[in-house]
Amino acid sequence: MGFFSKDIKTMDDLFVHTLQDIYYAEKRILKALPKMIDKATDSTLKQAFQAHLAETEGHVTRVEEVFRMHGAEAKTVTCPAIDGIIEEAEDIAGDIADKEVLDAALAAAAQAVEHYEMTRYGTLIAWAKRLGRGDCARVLERNLAEEKAADEKLTSIAEAKLNIRAAE
């Protein structure tokens, strides 16, 4: 089913489809984060990735909760956007020999993932509210808040040391 498929006829259909998209993305991120943890050499970056791995497990659980609350089956649809972001990160990380530059690249790649998630959660929250599902919106807002916090933490780490070291 394509994003603007004939199977999407209502705002509710669109909400569920996008929920399936972020569900796929969160599960894909769960597989990618351990690889990023292994590649990171900066201890602060590694710790940030480990903390976000635990948060991502919670995101998956909350998305499943929203499926249940909304009366929809918890299933995924392939998300080419997150696949592309993760593939690009893996390609770039595989090409960098300098550990300082690698850490800066990993932080930037993780932020690209965070930004994708923030757009999806923001949209889902707006749609949930429009559909009269404030209960679903409140659960999704928790995920969005954690994604924003992770992005801010990555920015702080990158600006405080990773980017500086990579540029030296």
C-alpha atoms as a PDB file:
ATOM      1  CA  MET A   1       0.000   0.000   0.000  1.00  0.00           C
ATOM      2  CA  GLY A   2       1.469   3.352  -1.045  1.00  0.00           C
ATOM      3  CA  PHE A   3       1.224   6.351   1.255  1.00  0.00           C
ATOM      4  CA  PHE A   4      -1.640   7.887  -0.694  1.00  0.00           C
ATOM      5  CA  SER A   5      -3.228   4.587  -1.525  1.00  0.00           C
ATOM      6  CA  LYS A   6      -6.852   4.047  -2.382  1.00  0.00           C
ATOM      7  CA  ASP A   7      -7.052   2.123   0.921  1.00  0.00           C
ATOM      8  CA  ILE A   8      -6.786   5.432   2.767  1.00  0.00           C
ATOM      9  CA  LYS A   9     -10.186   7.030   2.510  1.00  0.00           C
ATOM     10  CA  THR A  10     -10.638   8.847   5.814  1.00  0.00           C
ATOM     11  CA  MET A  11      -8.597  10.785   8.334  1.00  0.00           C
ATOM     12  CA  ASP A  12      -8.919   7.758  10.605  1.00  0.00           C
ATOM     13  CA  ASP A  13      -7.395   5.547   7.884  1.00  0.00           C
ATOM     14  CA  LEU A  14      -4.580   8.063   7.487  1.00  0.00           C
ATOM     15  CA  PHE A  15      -3.998   8.162  11.241  1.00  0.00           C
ATOM     16  CA  VAL A  16      -3.759   4.360  11.470  1.00  0.00           C
ATOM     17  CA  HIS A  17      -1.497   4.175   8.407  1.00  0.00           C
ATOM     18  CA  THR A  18       0.868   6.769   9.875  1.00  0.00           C
ATOM     19  CA  LEU A  19       0.798   4.966  13.216  1.00  0.00           C
ATOM     20  CA  GLN A  20       1.861   1.807  11.342  1.00  0.00           C
ATOM     21  CA  ASP A  21       4.642   3.849   9.712  1.00  0.00           C
ATOM     22  CA  ILE A  22       6.056   5.083  13.024  1.00  0.00           C
ATOM     23  CA  TYR A  23       5.675   1.591  14.490  1.00  0.00           C
ATOM     24  CA  TYR A  24       7.862   0.253  11.681  1.00  0.00           C
ATOM     25  CA  ALA A  25      10.318   3.107  12.190  1.00  0.00           C
ATOM     26  CA  GLU A  26      10.617   2.526  15.931  1.00  0.00           C
ATOM     27  CA  LYS A  27      11.207  -1.202  15.405  1.00  0.00           C
ATOM     28  CA  ARG A  28      13.813  -0.460  12.713  1.00  0.00           C
ATOM     29  CA  ILE A  29      15.544   1.968  15.074  1.00  0.00           C
ATOM     30  CA  LEU A  30      15.648  -0.728  17.774  1.00  0.00           C
ATOM     31  CA  LYS A  31      17.749  -2.811  15.364  1.00  0.00           C
ATOM     32  CA  ALA A  32      19.979   0.075  14.267  1.00  0.00           C
ATOM     33  CA  LEU A  33      20.844   1.589  17.653  1.00  0.00           C
ATOM     34  CA  PRO A  34      22.973  -1.330  18.932  1.00  0.00           C
ATOM     35  CA  LYS A  35      25.149  -0.991  15.808  1.00  0.00           C
ATOM     36  CA  MET A  36      25.535   2.729  16.468  1.00  0.00           C
ATOM     37  CA  ILE A  37      26.421   2.026  20.092  1.00  0.00           C
ATOM     38  CA  ASP A  38      29.131  -0.398  18.943  1.00  0.00           C
ATOM     39  CA  LYS A  39      30.583   2.099  16.447  1.00  0.00           C
ATOM     40  CA  ALA A  40      30.559   5.127  18.757  1.00  0.00           C
ATOM     41  CA  THR A  41      33.889   5.775  20.462  1.00  0.00           C
ATOM     42  CA  ASP A  42      32.926   8.768  22.610  1.00  0.00           C
ATOM     43  CA  SER A  43      31.606   7.540  25.964  1.00  0.00           C
ATOM     44  CA  THR A  44      29.010  10.322  26.274  1.00  0.00           C
ATOM     45  CA  LEU A  45      27.642   9.589  22.813  1.00  0.00           C
ATOM     46  CA  LYS A  46      27.604   5.860  23.550  1.00  0.00           C
ATOM     47  CA  GLN A  47      25.668   6.506  26.785  1.00  0.00           C
ATOM     48  CA  ALA A  48      23.188   8.745  24.957  1.00  0.00           C
ATOM     49  CA  PHE A  49      22.564   6.004  22.402  1.00  0.00           C
ATOM     50  CA  GLN A  50      22.141   3.399  25.160  1.00  0.00           C
ATOM     51  CA  ALA A  51      19.653   5.591  26.993  1.00  0.00           C
ATOM     52  CA  HIS A  52      17.714   6.199  23.807  1.00  0.00           C
ATOM     53  CA  LEU A  53      17.639   2.480  23.058  1.00  0.00           C
ATOM     54  CA  ALA A  54      15.771   1.958  26.334  1.00  0.00           C
ATOM     55  CA  GLU A  55      13.464   4.872  25.498  1.00  0.00           C
ATOM     56  CA  THR A  56      12.803   3.431  22.040  1.00  0.00           C
ATOM     57  CA  GLU A  57      11.620   0.186  23.620  1.00  0.00           C
ATOM     58  CA  GLY A  58       9.139   2.328  25.551  1.00  0.00           C
ATOM     59  CA  HIS A  59       8.105   4.099  22.344  1.00  0.00           C
ATOM     60  CA  VAL A  60       7.234   0.779  20.745  1.00  0.00           C
ATOM     61  CA  THR A  61       5.153  -0.160  23.796  1.00  0.00           C
ATOM     62  CA  ARG A  62       3.323   3.177  23.727  1.00  0.00           C
ATOM     63  CA  VAL A  63       2.595   2.927  19.996  1.00  0.00           C
ATOM     64  CA  GLU A  64       1.158  -0.538  20.635  1.00  0.00           C
ATOM     65  CA  GLU A  65      -0.944   1.000  23.413  1.00  0.00           C
ATOM     66  CA  VAL A  66      -2.294   3.617  20.976  1.00  0.00           C
ATOM     67  CA  PHE A  67      -3.202   0.871  18.496  1.00  0.00           C
ATOM     68  CA  ARG A  68      -5.171  -0.885  21.261  1.00  0.00           C
ATOM     69  CA  MET A  69      -6.826   2.326  22.448  1.00  0.00           C
ATOM     70  CA  HIS A  70      -7.833   3.149  18.892  1.00  0.00           C
ATOM     71  CA  GLY A  71      -9.132  -0.359  18.194  1.00  0.00           C
ATOM     72  CA  ALA A  72      -6.641  -1.020  15.404  1.00  0.00           C
ATOM     73  CA  GLU A  73      -4.334  -3.938  14.831  1.00  0.00           C
ATOM     74  CA  ALA A  74      -0.712  -3.253  15.784  1.00  0.00           C
ATOM     75  CA  LYS A  75       1.100  -3.853  12.525  1.00  0.00           C
ATOM     76  CA  THR A  76       3.733  -2.126  10.470  1.00  0.00           C
ATOM     77  CA  VAL A  77       3.908  -0.717   6.976  1.00  0.00           C
ATOM     78  CA  THR A  78       7.299  -0.326   5.377  1.00  0.00           C
ATOM     79  CA  CYS A  79       8.697   3.148   5.852  1.00  0.00           C
ATOM     80  CA  PRO A  80      11.105   3.930   3.024  1.00  0.00           C
ATOM     81  CA  ALA A  81      12.025   7.244   4.673  1.00  0.00           C
ATOM     82  CA  ILE A  82      13.451   5.701   7.855  1.00  0.00           C
ATOM     83  CA  ASP A  83      15.061   2.909   5.834  1.00  0.00           C
ATOM     84  CA  GLY A  84      16.809   5.538   3.729  1.00  0.00           C
ATOM     85  CA  ILE A  85      17.960   7.581   6.724  1.00  0.00           C
ATOM     86  CA  ILE A  86      19.369   4.490   8.439  1.00  0.00           C
ATOM     87  CA  GLU A  87      20.990   3.146   5.257  1.00  0.00           C
ATOM     88  CA  GLU A  88      22.652   6.500   4.663  1.00  0.00           C
ATOM     89  CA  ALA A  89      23.968   6.507   8.236  1.00  0.00           C
ATOM     90  CA  GLU A  90      25.362   2.998   7.834  1.00  0.00           C
ATOM     91  CA  ASP A  91      27.011   3.907   4.510  1.00  0.00           C
ATOM     92  CA  ILE A  92      28.626   7.035   5.902  1.00  0.00           C
ATOM     93  CA  ALA A  93      29.762   5.327   9.104  1.00  0.00           C
ATOM     94  CA  GLY A  94      31.315   2.543   7.059  1.00  0.00           C
ATOM     95  CA  ASP A  95      33.391   5.050   5.078  1.00  0.00           C
ATOM     96  CA  ILE A  96      34.931   6.993   7.989  1.00  0.00           C
ATOM     97  CA  ALA A  97      38.227   5.858   9.445  1.00  0.00           C
ATOM     98  CA  ASP A  98      38.833   8.839  11.777  1.00  0.00           C
ATOM     99  CA  LYS A  99      37.081   8.046  15.073  1.00  0.00           C
ATOM    100  CA  GLU A 100      36.444  11.713  15.918  1.00  0.00           C
ATOM    101  CA  VAL A 101      34.780  12.319  12.560  1.00  0.00           C
ATOM    102  CA  LEU A 102      32.865   9.047  12.909  1.00  0.00           C
ATOM    103  CA  ASP A 103      31.368  10.139  16.242  1.00  0.00           C
ATOM    104  CA  ALA A 104      30.269  13.474  14.750  1.00  0.00           C
ATOM    105  CA  ALA A 105      28.700  11.617  11.814  1.00  0.00           C
ATOM    106  CA  LEU A 106      26.911   9.167  14.106  1.00  0.00           C
ATOM    107  CA  ALA A 107      25.451  11.996  16.168  1.00  0.00           C
ATOM    108  CA  ALA A 108      24.267  13.755  13.006  1.00  0.00           C
ATOM    109  CA  ALA A 109      22.741  10.543  11.660  1.00  0.00           C
ATOM    110  CA  ALA A 110      20.926   9.950  14.936  1.00  0.00           C
ATOM    111  CA  GLN A 111      19.558  13.478  14.781  1.00  0.00           C
ATOM    112  CA  ALA A 112      18.203  12.845  11.285  1.00  0.00           C
ATOM    113  CA  VAL A 113      16.320   9.883  12.753  1.00  0.00           C
ATOM    114  CA  GLU A 114      15.051  11.996  15.660  1.00  0.00           C
ATOM    115  CA  HIS A 115      13.811  14.700  13.321  1.00  0.00           C
ATOM    116  CA  TYR A 116      11.888  12.173  11.246  1.00  0.00           C
ATOM    117  CA  GLU A 117      10.275  10.768  14.368  1.00  0.00           C
ATOM    118  CA  MET A 118       9.395  14.233  15.658  1.00  0.00           C
ATOM    119  CA  THR A 119       7.573  15.067  12.417  1.00  0.00           C
ATOM    120  CA  ARG A 120       5.612  11.831  12.536  1.00  0.00           C
ATOM    121  CA  TYR A 121       4.669  12.156  16.196  1.00  0.00           C
ATOM    122  CA  GLY A 122       3.697  15.805  15.775  1.00  0.00           C
ATOM    123  CA  THR A 123       1.409  14.901  12.898  1.00  0.00           C
ATOM    124  CA  LEU A 124      -0.101  11.931  14.724  1.00  0.00           C
ATOM    125  CA  ILE A 125      -0.813  14.074  17.782  1.00  0.00           C
ATOM    126  CA  ALA A 126      -2.564  16.726  15.678  1.00  0.00           C
ATOM    127  CA  TRP A 127      -4.633  14.097  13.876  1.00  0.00           C
ATOM    128  CA  ALA A 128      -5.515  12.254  17.098  1.00  0.00           C
ATOM    129  CA  LYS A 129      -6.829  15.500  18.553  1.00  0.00           C
ATOM    130  CA  ARG A 130      -8.818  16.232  15.376  1.00  0.00           C
ATOM    131  CA  LEU A 131     -10.303  12.738  15.567  1.00  0.00           C
ATOM    132  CA  GLY A 132     -11.378  13.361  19.165  1.00  0.00           C
ATOM    133  CA  ARG A 133      -8.720  11.003  20.507  1.00  0.00           C
ATOM    134  CA  GLY A 134      -7.070  13.139  23.156  1.00  0.00           C
ATOM    135  CA  ASP A 135      -6.244   9.923  25.005  1.00  0.00           C
ATOM    136  CA  CYS A 136      -4.135   8.715  22.063  1.00  0.00           C
ATOM    137  CA  ALA A 137      -2.585  12.163  21.660  1.00  0.00           C
ATOM    138  CA  ARG A 138      -1.439  12.181  25.303  1.00  0.00           C
ATOM    139  CA  VAL A 139       0.348   8.843  24.897  1.00  0.00           C
ATOM    140  CA  LEU A 140       2.017   9.993  21.669  1.00  0.00           C
ATOM    141  CA  GLU A 141       3.048  13.279  23.312  1.00  0.00           C
ATOM    142  CA  ARG A 142       5.227  11.303  25.721  1.00  0.00           C
ATOM    143  CA  ASN A 143       7.113   9.784  22.793  1.00  0.00           C
ATOM    144  CA  LEU A 144       7.452  13.188  21.134  1.00  0.00           C
ATOM    145  CA  ALA A 145       8.836  14.742  24.315  1.00  0.00           C
ATOM    146  CA  GLU A 146      11.471  11.995  24.581  1.00  0.00           C
ATOM    147  CA  GLU A 147      12.425  12.367  20.908  1.00  0.00           C
ATOM    148  CA  LYS A 148      12.875  16.120  21.374  1.00  0.00           C
ATOM    149  CA  ALA A 149      14.962  15.559  24.505  1.00  0.00           C
ATOM    150  CA  ALA A 150      17.160  13.031  22.681  1.00  0.00           C
ATOM    151  CA  ASP A 151      17.678  15.499  19.830  1.00  0.00           C
ATOM    152  CA  GLU A 152      18.609  18.267  22.279  1.00  0.00           C
ATOM    153  CA  LYS A 153      21.045  15.957  24.063  1.00  0.00           C
ATOM    154  CA  LEU A 154      22.698  15.002  20.776  1.00  0.00           C
ATOM    155  CA  THR A 155      22.992  18.668  19.811  1.00  0.00           C
ATOM    156  CA  SER A 156      24.596  19.442  23.152  1.00  0.00           C
ATOM    157  CA  ILE A 157      27.100  16.584  22.869  1.00  0.00           C
ATOM    158  CA  ALA A 158      27.951  17.428  19.264  1.00  0.00           C
ATOM    159  CA  GLU A 159      28.412  21.137  19.898  1.00  0.00           C
ATOM    160  CA  ALA A 160      30.309  20.701  23.172  1.00  0.00           C
ATOM    161  CA  LYS A 161      32.868  18.224  21.905  1.00  0.00           C
ATOM    162  CA  LEU A 162      32.173  15.917  18.950  1.00  0.00           C
ATOM    163  CA  ASN A 163      32.170  18.588  16.261  1.00  0.00           C
ATOM    164  CA  ILE A 164      35.125  20.357  17.835  1.00  0.00           C
ATOM    165  CA  ARG A 165      37.206  17.183  17.934  1.00  0.00           C
ATOM    166  CA  ALA A 166      36.187  16.196  14.409  1.00  0.00           C
ATOM    167  CA  ALA A 167      37.287  19.586  13.054  1.00  0.00           C
ATOM    168  CA  GLU A 168      40.749  19.463  14.691  1.00  0.00           C
END
